[in-house]
Amino acid sequence: MEQYKNIFGSMRNKQMLMRISFGIIFFWFGALKFFPSVSPAEELASETIYRLTFGIFSKHTGLILLAILECGLGLMFLSGKYTKATILTAIGHMLCTFTPFFLLPEASFTQAPYAFTLVGQYIMKNIVFIVALTMMWPEAQTGVIRQQKNIKRIMHEDVAV
């Protein structure tokens, strides 16, 4: 039974799986934005960036810059290099995805602030991404391992008593 205890292995393996998953998602979603009318987030992203930059970037330019950012994040996650900088940049990007709630509430809510549109639900799921990104932080692994060892020690002491 011990072999089935944790099918995904160590925390390091789980973090690697998350990193690769994020790499694929970011690269794929970013690549779609290079092709007009292919990304389902194109209109939302281009309008949000246009409003955030007060029209400094055209909608097309903003979308291309976002595509470059997302593909770059994807490649960085896949490479495993500069993990902390990549995670921080991805968290910053994910936090920016919440701006349509304020800039485009008509696209995000059927009844603000609690009844989301499909777009609003799409945005809200980024909370899960942010939490997963924090779990990928390199020091998170040692904290979890230390916690698991403390739990095993406490359980062992209880049994010994």
N, C-alpha and C. Protein backbone atom coordinates (compact mmCIF):
# COMPACT_ATOMS: atom_id res chain seq x y z
N MET A 1 0.81 -1.20 0.00
CA MET A 1 0.00 0.00 0.00
C MET A 1 0.85 1.26 0.00
N GLU A 2 2.03 1.19 0.53
CA GLU A 2 2.90 2.37 0.64
C GLU A 2 3.15 3.02 -0.72
N GLN A 3 3.24 2.19 -1.79
CA GLN A 3 3.52 2.75 -3.11
C GLN A 3 2.38 3.62 -3.62
N TYR A 4 1.16 3.46 -3.09
CA TYR A 4 0.01 4.26 -3.52
C TYR A 4 -0.22 5.47 -2.63
N LYS A 5 0.60 5.65 -1.64
CA LYS A 5 0.40 6.71 -0.66
C LYS A 5 0.39 8.08 -1.32
N ASN A 6 1.30 8.33 -2.22
CA ASN A 6 1.37 9.64 -2.88
C ASN A 6 1.77 9.42 -4.32
N ILE A 7 0.79 9.35 -5.22
CA ILE A 7 1.08 9.01 -6.60
C ILE A 7 1.87 10.08 -7.34
N PHE A 8 1.88 11.31 -6.81
CA PHE A 8 2.60 12.37 -7.48
C PHE A 8 4.00 12.57 -6.92
N GLY A 9 4.36 11.82 -5.93
CA GLY A 9 5.71 11.88 -5.41
C GLY A 9 5.92 13.05 -4.47
N SER A 10 7.13 13.54 -4.47
CA SER A 10 7.55 14.57 -3.53
C SER A 10 6.97 15.94 -3.89
N MET A 11 7.11 16.86 -2.94
CA MET A 11 6.68 18.24 -3.18
C MET A 11 7.44 18.82 -4.37
N ARG A 12 8.70 18.45 -4.51
CA ARG A 12 9.50 18.94 -5.64
C ARG A 12 8.88 18.50 -6.97
N ASN A 13 8.43 17.24 -7.04
CA ASN A 13 7.78 16.75 -8.27
C ASN A 13 6.48 17.50 -8.54
N LYS A 14 5.71 17.77 -7.49
CA LYS A 14 4.46 18.50 -7.65
C LYS A 14 4.72 19.91 -8.16
N GLN A 15 5.75 20.55 -7.60
CA GLN A 15 6.10 21.90 -8.05
C GLN A 15 6.55 21.88 -9.51
N MET A 16 7.29 20.86 -9.90
CA MET A 16 7.72 20.74 -11.29
C MET A 16 6.52 20.57 -12.22
N LEU A 17 5.57 19.74 -11.82
CA LEU A 17 4.35 19.54 -12.62
C LEU A 17 3.57 20.85 -12.75
N MET A 18 3.47 21.61 -11.65
CA MET A 18 2.78 22.90 -11.72
C MET A 18 3.53 23.86 -12.64
N ARG A 19 4.86 23.88 -12.52
CA ARG A 19 5.67 24.78 -13.34
C ARG A 19 5.50 24.47 -14.82
N ILE A 20 5.55 23.20 -15.17
CA ILE A 20 5.37 22.80 -16.58
C ILE A 20 3.95 23.12 -17.05
N SER A 21 2.97 22.86 -16.19
CA SER A 21 1.58 23.18 -16.55
C SER A 21 1.41 24.66 -16.81
N PHE A 22 1.96 25.49 -15.92
CA PHE A 22 1.89 26.94 -16.12
C PHE A 22 2.61 27.34 -17.41
N GLY A 23 3.74 26.70 -17.67
CA GLY A 23 4.48 27.00 -18.89
C GLY A 23 3.65 26.74 -20.13
N ILE A 24 3.00 25.61 -20.17
CA ILE A 24 2.16 25.26 -21.33
C ILE A 24 0.99 26.23 -21.45
N ILE A 25 0.30 26.48 -20.34
CA ILE A 25 -0.87 27.37 -20.37
C ILE A 25 -0.49 28.77 -20.81
N PHE A 26 0.53 29.35 -20.18
CA PHE A 26 0.92 30.72 -20.54
C PHE A 26 1.37 30.81 -21.99
N PHE A 27 2.19 29.85 -22.42
CA PHE A 27 2.68 29.91 -23.80
C PHE A 27 1.52 29.75 -24.79
N TRP A 28 0.65 28.80 -24.54
CA TRP A 28 -0.47 28.53 -25.45
C TRP A 28 -1.41 29.74 -25.53
N PHE A 29 -1.83 30.24 -24.37
CA PHE A 29 -2.76 31.37 -24.36
C PHE A 29 -2.10 32.62 -24.97
N GLY A 30 -0.81 32.81 -24.71
CA GLY A 30 -0.10 33.95 -25.29
C GLY A 30 0.00 33.82 -26.79
N ALA A 31 0.33 32.63 -27.28
CA ALA A 31 0.48 32.41 -28.73
C ALA A 31 -0.83 32.69 -29.46
N LEU A 32 -1.96 32.33 -28.86
CA LEU A 32 -3.25 32.59 -29.50
C LEU A 32 -3.47 34.08 -29.77
N LYS A 33 -2.94 34.91 -28.90
CA LYS A 33 -3.15 36.36 -29.02
C LYS A 33 -2.39 36.98 -30.20
N PHE A 34 -1.45 36.26 -30.77
CA PHE A 34 -0.74 36.77 -31.95
C PHE A 34 -1.60 36.68 -33.21
N PHE A 35 -2.66 35.89 -33.16
CA PHE A 35 -3.49 35.67 -34.34
C PHE A 35 -4.86 36.31 -34.12
N PRO A 36 -5.23 37.27 -34.96
CA PRO A 36 -6.50 37.99 -34.79
C PRO A 36 -7.71 37.05 -34.74
N SER A 37 -8.59 37.33 -33.79
CA SER A 37 -9.87 36.62 -33.62
C SER A 37 -9.72 35.15 -33.23
N VAL A 38 -8.57 34.74 -32.72
CA VAL A 38 -8.38 33.35 -32.31
C VAL A 38 -8.55 33.19 -30.80
N SER A 39 -8.03 34.14 -30.03
CA SER A 39 -8.12 34.06 -28.57
C SER A 39 -9.49 34.51 -28.10
N PRO A 40 -10.15 33.70 -27.25
CA PRO A 40 -11.44 34.14 -26.71
C PRO A 40 -11.31 35.33 -25.76
N ALA A 41 -10.10 35.61 -25.28
CA ALA A 41 -9.87 36.73 -24.36
C ALA A 41 -9.43 37.99 -25.09
N GLU A 42 -9.36 37.94 -26.40
CA GLU A 42 -8.80 39.05 -27.18
C GLU A 42 -9.50 40.39 -26.91
N GLU A 43 -10.80 40.42 -27.02
CA GLU A 43 -11.54 41.68 -26.85
C GLU A 43 -11.40 42.20 -25.43
N LEU A 44 -11.57 41.32 -24.45
CA LEU A 44 -11.45 41.71 -23.04
C LEU A 44 -10.05 42.24 -22.74
N ALA A 45 -9.04 41.51 -23.17
CA ALA A 45 -7.66 41.91 -22.89
C ALA A 45 -7.30 43.22 -23.58
N SER A 46 -7.64 43.34 -24.85
CA SER A 46 -7.26 44.56 -25.58
C SER A 46 -7.97 45.79 -25.04
N GLU A 47 -9.24 45.66 -24.69
CA GLU A 47 -9.99 46.80 -24.13
C GLU A 47 -9.46 47.17 -22.75
N THR A 48 -9.15 46.17 -21.93
CA THR A 48 -8.62 46.43 -20.59
C THR A 48 -7.27 47.14 -20.66
N ILE A 49 -6.38 46.64 -21.51
CA ILE A 49 -5.05 47.26 -21.64
C ILE A 49 -5.18 48.67 -22.18
N TYR A 50 -6.04 48.87 -23.14
CA TYR A 50 -6.27 50.21 -23.72
C TYR A 50 -6.71 51.18 -22.63
N ARG A 51 -7.63 50.75 -21.79
CA ARG A 51 -8.12 51.64 -20.71
C ARG A 51 -7.08 51.83 -19.62
N LEU A 52 -6.35 50.76 -19.27
CA LEU A 52 -5.31 50.86 -18.24
C LEU A 52 -4.19 51.83 -18.63
N THR A 53 -3.88 51.86 -19.91
CA THR A 53 -2.79 52.72 -20.39
C THR A 53 -3.29 54.07 -20.89
N PHE A 54 -4.58 54.36 -20.64
CA PHE A 54 -5.19 55.62 -21.06
C PHE A 54 -5.01 55.88 -22.55
N GLY A 55 -5.05 54.80 -23.34
CA GLY A 55 -4.96 54.92 -24.78
C GLY A 55 -3.55 55.11 -25.32
N ILE A 56 -2.55 55.03 -24.46
CA ILE A 56 -1.16 55.17 -24.93
C ILE A 56 -0.83 54.06 -25.92
N PHE A 57 -1.28 52.84 -25.60
CA PHE A 57 -1.11 51.72 -26.52
C PHE A 57 -2.42 51.48 -27.25
N SER A 58 -2.34 51.29 -28.53
CA SER A 58 -3.54 50.90 -29.27
C SER A 58 -3.97 49.52 -28.78
N LYS A 59 -5.20 49.15 -29.07
CA LYS A 59 -5.69 47.83 -28.64
C LYS A 59 -4.83 46.72 -29.23
N HIS A 60 -4.44 46.87 -30.49
CA HIS A 60 -3.62 45.85 -31.15
C HIS A 60 -2.23 45.76 -30.50
N THR A 61 -1.60 46.90 -30.27
CA THR A 61 -0.27 46.91 -29.65
C THR A 61 -0.32 46.31 -28.25
N GLY A 62 -1.33 46.68 -27.46
CA GLY A 62 -1.47 46.13 -26.12
C GLY A 62 -1.61 44.62 -26.14
N LEU A 63 -2.39 44.12 -27.09
CA LEU A 63 -2.60 42.68 -27.20
C LEU A 63 -1.30 41.96 -27.59
N ILE A 64 -0.53 42.55 -28.50
CA ILE A 64 0.75 41.95 -28.91
C ILE A 64 1.72 41.95 -27.73
N LEU A 65 1.76 43.05 -26.97
CA LEU A 65 2.64 43.09 -25.79
C LEU A 65 2.23 42.04 -24.76
N LEU A 66 0.92 41.86 -24.58
CA LEU A 66 0.44 40.82 -23.67
C LEU A 66 0.83 39.44 -24.18
N ALA A 67 0.71 39.23 -25.48
CA ALA A 67 1.10 37.94 -26.07
C ALA A 67 2.58 37.66 -25.83
N ILE A 68 3.41 38.68 -25.99
CA ILE A 68 4.85 38.52 -25.75
C ILE A 68 5.11 38.19 -24.28
N LEU A 69 4.43 38.91 -23.38
CA LEU A 69 4.59 38.65 -21.94
C LEU A 69 4.19 37.21 -21.61
N GLU A 70 3.02 36.79 -22.08
CA GLU A 70 2.54 35.45 -21.74
C GLU A 70 3.41 34.36 -22.35
N CYS A 71 3.84 34.53 -23.58
CA CYS A 71 4.73 33.53 -24.19
C CYS A 71 6.07 33.51 -23.45
N GLY A 72 6.56 34.68 -23.08
CA GLY A 72 7.81 34.75 -22.31
C GLY A 72 7.68 34.04 -20.97
N LEU A 73 6.58 34.29 -20.28
CA LEU A 73 6.35 33.59 -19.01
C LEU A 73 6.29 32.08 -19.24
N GLY A 74 5.60 31.66 -20.28
CA GLY A 74 5.51 30.24 -20.60
C GLY A 74 6.87 29.62 -20.81
N LEU A 75 7.70 30.28 -21.60
CA LEU A 75 9.04 29.76 -21.87
C LEU A 75 9.89 29.73 -20.60
N MET A 76 9.74 30.76 -19.76
CA MET A 76 10.52 30.79 -18.52
C MET A 76 10.08 29.66 -17.58
N PHE A 77 8.77 29.44 -17.47
CA PHE A 77 8.30 28.33 -16.63
C PHE A 77 8.80 27.00 -17.18
N LEU A 78 8.75 26.82 -18.48
CA LEU A 78 9.20 25.56 -19.08
C LEU A 78 10.70 25.36 -18.90
N SER A 79 11.47 26.44 -18.94
CA SER A 79 12.92 26.31 -18.79
C SER A 79 13.34 26.04 -17.36
N GLY A 80 12.53 26.50 -16.40
CA GLY A 80 12.90 26.33 -15.00
C GLY A 80 13.95 27.33 -14.53
N LYS A 81 14.27 28.30 -15.35
CA LYS A 81 15.28 29.32 -15.00
C LYS A 81 14.59 30.54 -14.39
N TYR A 82 15.29 31.23 -13.51
CA TYR A 82 14.80 32.48 -12.91
C TYR A 82 13.39 32.29 -12.33
N THR A 83 13.23 31.23 -11.58
CA THR A 83 11.92 30.84 -11.07
C THR A 83 11.25 31.93 -10.25
N LYS A 84 11.98 32.54 -9.33
CA LYS A 84 11.37 33.55 -8.47
C LYS A 84 10.89 34.75 -9.28
N ALA A 85 11.71 35.24 -10.19
CA ALA A 85 11.32 36.39 -11.02
C ALA A 85 10.12 36.02 -11.90
N THR A 86 10.11 34.80 -12.41
CA THR A 86 9.00 34.35 -13.25
C THR A 86 7.72 34.26 -12.44
N ILE A 87 7.80 33.71 -11.24
CA ILE A 87 6.62 33.59 -10.39
C ILE A 87 6.09 34.98 -10.02
N LEU A 88 6.98 35.88 -9.63
CA LEU A 88 6.54 37.24 -9.27
C LEU A 88 5.88 37.96 -10.45
N THR A 89 6.46 37.81 -11.63
CA THR A 89 5.88 38.43 -12.83
C THR A 89 4.52 37.82 -13.13
N ALA A 90 4.41 36.51 -13.00
CA ALA A 90 3.13 35.83 -13.26
C ALA A 90 2.06 36.26 -12.25
N ILE A 91 2.45 36.40 -10.98
CA ILE A 91 1.49 36.86 -9.97
C ILE A 91 1.04 38.28 -10.29
N GLY A 92 1.98 39.14 -10.67
CA GLY A 92 1.62 40.51 -11.08
C GLY A 92 0.64 40.50 -12.25
N HIS A 93 0.91 39.65 -13.21
CA HIS A 93 0.03 39.53 -14.37
C HIS A 93 -1.36 39.05 -13.94
N MET A 94 -1.39 38.03 -13.07
CA MET A 94 -2.67 37.50 -12.60
C MET A 94 -3.46 38.55 -11.82
N LEU A 95 -2.78 39.36 -11.02
CA LEU A 95 -3.47 40.42 -10.29
C LEU A 95 -4.07 41.44 -11.25
N CYS A 96 -3.37 41.73 -12.33
CA CYS A 96 -3.89 42.67 -13.33
C CYS A 96 -5.13 42.13 -14.04
N THR A 97 -5.29 40.81 -14.05
CA THR A 97 -6.46 40.25 -14.72
C THR A 97 -7.76 40.60 -13.99
N PHE A 98 -7.66 41.09 -12.76
CA PHE A 98 -8.85 41.48 -12.02
C PHE A 98 -9.34 42.89 -12.35
N THR A 99 -8.56 43.65 -13.10
CA THR A 99 -8.95 45.03 -13.41
C THR A 99 -10.25 45.15 -14.21
N PRO A 100 -10.65 44.18 -15.04
CA PRO A 100 -11.95 44.32 -15.71
C PRO A 100 -13.13 44.42 -14.73
N PHE A 101 -12.98 43.91 -13.52
CA PHE A 101 -14.05 44.06 -12.54
C PHE A 101 -14.35 45.54 -12.29
N PHE A 102 -13.31 46.37 -12.39
CA PHE A 102 -13.46 47.80 -12.12
C PHE A 102 -13.61 48.61 -13.41
N LEU A 103 -12.87 48.21 -14.44
CA LEU A 103 -12.89 48.97 -15.70
C LEU A 103 -14.03 48.56 -16.63
N LEU A 104 -14.42 47.29 -16.57
CA LEU A 104 -15.47 46.77 -17.46
C LEU A 104 -16.48 45.95 -16.67
N PRO A 105 -17.13 46.56 -15.67
CA PRO A 105 -18.04 45.78 -14.84
C PRO A 105 -19.19 45.15 -15.64
N GLU A 106 -19.59 45.81 -16.74
CA GLU A 106 -20.68 45.25 -17.55
C GLU A 106 -20.28 43.94 -18.22
N ALA A 107 -18.98 43.72 -18.42
CA ALA A 107 -18.50 42.47 -19.00
C ALA A 107 -18.27 41.40 -17.93
N SER A 108 -18.16 41.83 -16.67
CA SER A 108 -17.79 40.92 -15.59
C SER A 108 -18.97 40.45 -14.74
N PHE A 109 -20.02 41.25 -14.67
CA PHE A 109 -21.13 40.95 -13.77
C PHE A 109 -22.47 41.06 -14.48
N THR A 110 -23.39 40.18 -14.07
CA THR A 110 -24.79 40.39 -14.45
C THR A 110 -25.44 41.25 -13.37
N GLN A 111 -24.99 41.06 -12.12
CA GLN A 111 -25.41 41.90 -11.00
C GLN A 111 -24.20 42.05 -10.07
N ALA A 112 -23.57 43.20 -10.13
CA ALA A 112 -22.36 43.43 -9.33
C ALA A 112 -22.74 43.48 -7.85
N PRO A 113 -21.93 43.02 -6.97
CA PRO A 113 -20.63 42.39 -7.15
C PRO A 113 -20.66 40.87 -7.01
N TYR A 114 -21.81 40.25 -7.06
CA TYR A 114 -21.88 38.83 -6.73
C TYR A 114 -22.28 37.90 -7.87
N ALA A 115 -22.95 38.39 -8.90
CA ALA A 115 -23.40 37.53 -9.99
C ALA A 115 -22.49 37.74 -11.21
N PHE A 116 -21.61 36.78 -11.43
CA PHE A 116 -20.61 36.89 -12.49
C PHE A 116 -21.17 36.47 -13.84
N THR A 117 -20.65 37.10 -14.87
CA THR A 117 -20.84 36.60 -16.23
C THR A 117 -19.83 35.48 -16.44
N LEU A 118 -19.84 34.86 -17.60
CA LEU A 118 -18.83 33.85 -17.90
C LEU A 118 -17.43 34.49 -17.86
N VAL A 119 -17.32 35.71 -18.34
CA VAL A 119 -16.04 36.44 -18.28
C VAL A 119 -15.61 36.64 -16.83
N GLY A 120 -16.56 37.02 -15.98
CA GLY A 120 -16.24 37.22 -14.57
C GLY A 120 -15.76 35.93 -13.91
N GLN A 121 -16.39 34.82 -14.26
CA GLN A 121 -15.95 33.53 -13.73
C GLN A 121 -14.56 33.17 -14.24
N TYR A 122 -14.32 33.49 -15.49
CA TYR A 122 -13.00 33.26 -16.11
C TYR A 122 -11.92 34.03 -15.34
N ILE A 123 -12.27 35.25 -14.93
CA ILE A 123 -11.31 36.07 -14.18
C ILE A 123 -11.13 35.52 -12.76
N MET A 124 -12.23 35.17 -12.10
CA MET A 124 -12.16 34.71 -10.70
C MET A 124 -11.33 33.46 -10.53
N LYS A 125 -11.29 32.59 -11.52
CA LYS A 125 -10.50 31.36 -11.38
C LYS A 125 -9.02 31.67 -11.24
N ASN A 126 -8.62 32.89 -11.55
CA ASN A 126 -7.21 33.25 -11.40
C ASN A 126 -6.76 33.28 -9.94
N ILE A 127 -7.70 33.30 -9.01
CA ILE A 127 -7.34 33.17 -7.60
C ILE A 127 -6.62 31.84 -7.38
N VAL A 128 -7.11 30.80 -8.01
CA VAL A 128 -6.48 29.48 -7.88
C VAL A 128 -5.07 29.52 -8.47
N PHE A 129 -4.91 30.20 -9.60
CA PHE A 129 -3.59 30.33 -10.21
C PHE A 129 -2.63 31.05 -9.27
N ILE A 130 -3.09 32.12 -8.63
CA ILE A 130 -2.23 32.88 -7.72
C ILE A 130 -1.79 32.01 -6.56
N VAL A 131 -2.70 31.26 -5.98
CA VAL A 131 -2.36 30.37 -4.86
C VAL A 131 -1.36 29.30 -5.33
N ALA A 132 -1.60 28.72 -6.49
CA ALA A 132 -0.67 27.70 -7.01
C ALA A 132 0.70 28.31 -7.26
N LEU A 133 0.75 29.54 -7.76
CA LEU A 133 2.04 30.19 -7.98
C LEU A 133 2.79 30.38 -6.67
N THR A 134 2.08 30.74 -5.60
CA THR A 134 2.77 30.91 -4.31
C THR A 134 3.29 29.57 -3.81
N MET A 135 2.60 28.48 -4.13
CA MET A 135 3.06 27.16 -3.70
C MET A 135 4.30 26.70 -4.48
N MET A 136 4.53 27.33 -5.63
CA MET A 136 5.70 26.97 -6.43
C MET A 136 6.96 27.70 -5.95
N TRP A 137 6.80 28.68 -5.08
CA TRP A 137 7.96 29.45 -4.59
C TRP A 137 8.96 28.47 -3.99
N PRO A 138 10.22 28.55 -4.35
CA PRO A 138 11.20 27.54 -3.92
C PRO A 138 11.24 27.25 -2.43
N GLU A 139 11.07 28.26 -1.57
CA GLU A 139 11.10 28.01 -0.13
C GLU A 139 9.85 27.30 0.36
N ALA A 140 8.79 27.31 -0.42
CA ALA A 140 7.54 26.65 0.00
C ALA A 140 7.78 25.16 0.20
N GLN A 141 8.67 24.60 -0.60
CA GLN A 141 8.94 23.17 -0.52
C GLN A 141 9.53 22.82 0.85
N THR A 142 10.52 23.56 1.30
CA THR A 142 11.16 23.22 2.58
C THR A 142 10.19 23.39 3.73
N GLY A 143 9.31 24.41 3.66
CA GLY A 143 8.32 24.61 4.71
C GLY A 143 7.35 23.45 4.81
N VAL A 144 6.90 22.93 3.69
CA VAL A 144 5.96 21.81 3.69
C VAL A 144 6.65 20.56 4.21
N ILE A 145 7.87 20.32 3.77
CA ILE A 145 8.61 19.13 4.23
C ILE A 145 8.83 19.22 5.74
N ARG A 146 9.21 20.40 6.25
CA ARG A 146 9.43 20.59 7.67
C ARG A 146 8.12 20.34 8.43
N GLN A 147 7.01 20.83 7.91
CA GLN A 147 5.70 20.64 8.53
C GLN A 147 5.34 19.15 8.58
N GLN A 148 5.58 18.44 7.48
CA GLN A 148 5.27 17.01 7.44
C GLN A 148 6.12 16.25 8.47
N LYS A 149 7.39 16.62 8.61
CA LYS A 149 8.26 15.96 9.58
C LYS A 149 7.78 16.23 10.99
N ASN A 150 7.34 17.46 11.28
CA ASN A 150 6.83 17.79 12.61
C ASN A 150 5.57 17.00 12.92
N ILE A 151 4.67 16.86 11.94
CA ILE A 151 3.44 16.09 12.15
C ILE A 151 3.77 14.63 12.43
N LYS A 152 4.71 14.05 11.67
CA LYS A 152 5.11 12.66 11.89
C LYS A 152 5.72 12.49 13.28
N ARG A 153 6.55 13.47 13.70
CA ARG A 153 7.19 13.41 15.01
C ARG A 153 6.14 13.46 16.11
N ILE A 154 5.17 14.37 15.98
CA ILE A 154 4.12 14.51 16.99
C ILE A 154 3.29 13.22 17.05
N MET A 155 2.95 12.68 15.88
CA MET A 155 2.14 11.46 15.85
C MET A 155 2.90 10.31 16.48
N HIS A 156 4.21 10.25 16.23
CA HIS A 156 5.03 9.18 16.79
C HIS A 156 5.10 9.32 18.32
N GLU A 157 5.23 10.56 18.82
CA GLU A 157 5.26 10.79 20.26
C GLU A 157 3.95 10.38 20.91
N ASP A 158 2.82 10.66 20.25
CA ASP A 158 1.51 10.27 20.79
C ASP A 158 1.39 8.76 20.88
N VAL A 159 1.89 8.06 19.91
CA VAL A 159 1.82 6.59 19.90
C VAL A 159 2.72 6.03 20.99
N ALA A 160 3.88 6.64 21.21
CA ALA A 160 4.84 6.16 22.20
C ALA A 160 4.34 6.35 23.62
N VAL A 161 3.49 7.32 23.84
CA VAL A 161 3.01 7.63 25.19
C VAL A 161 1.97 6.69 25.60
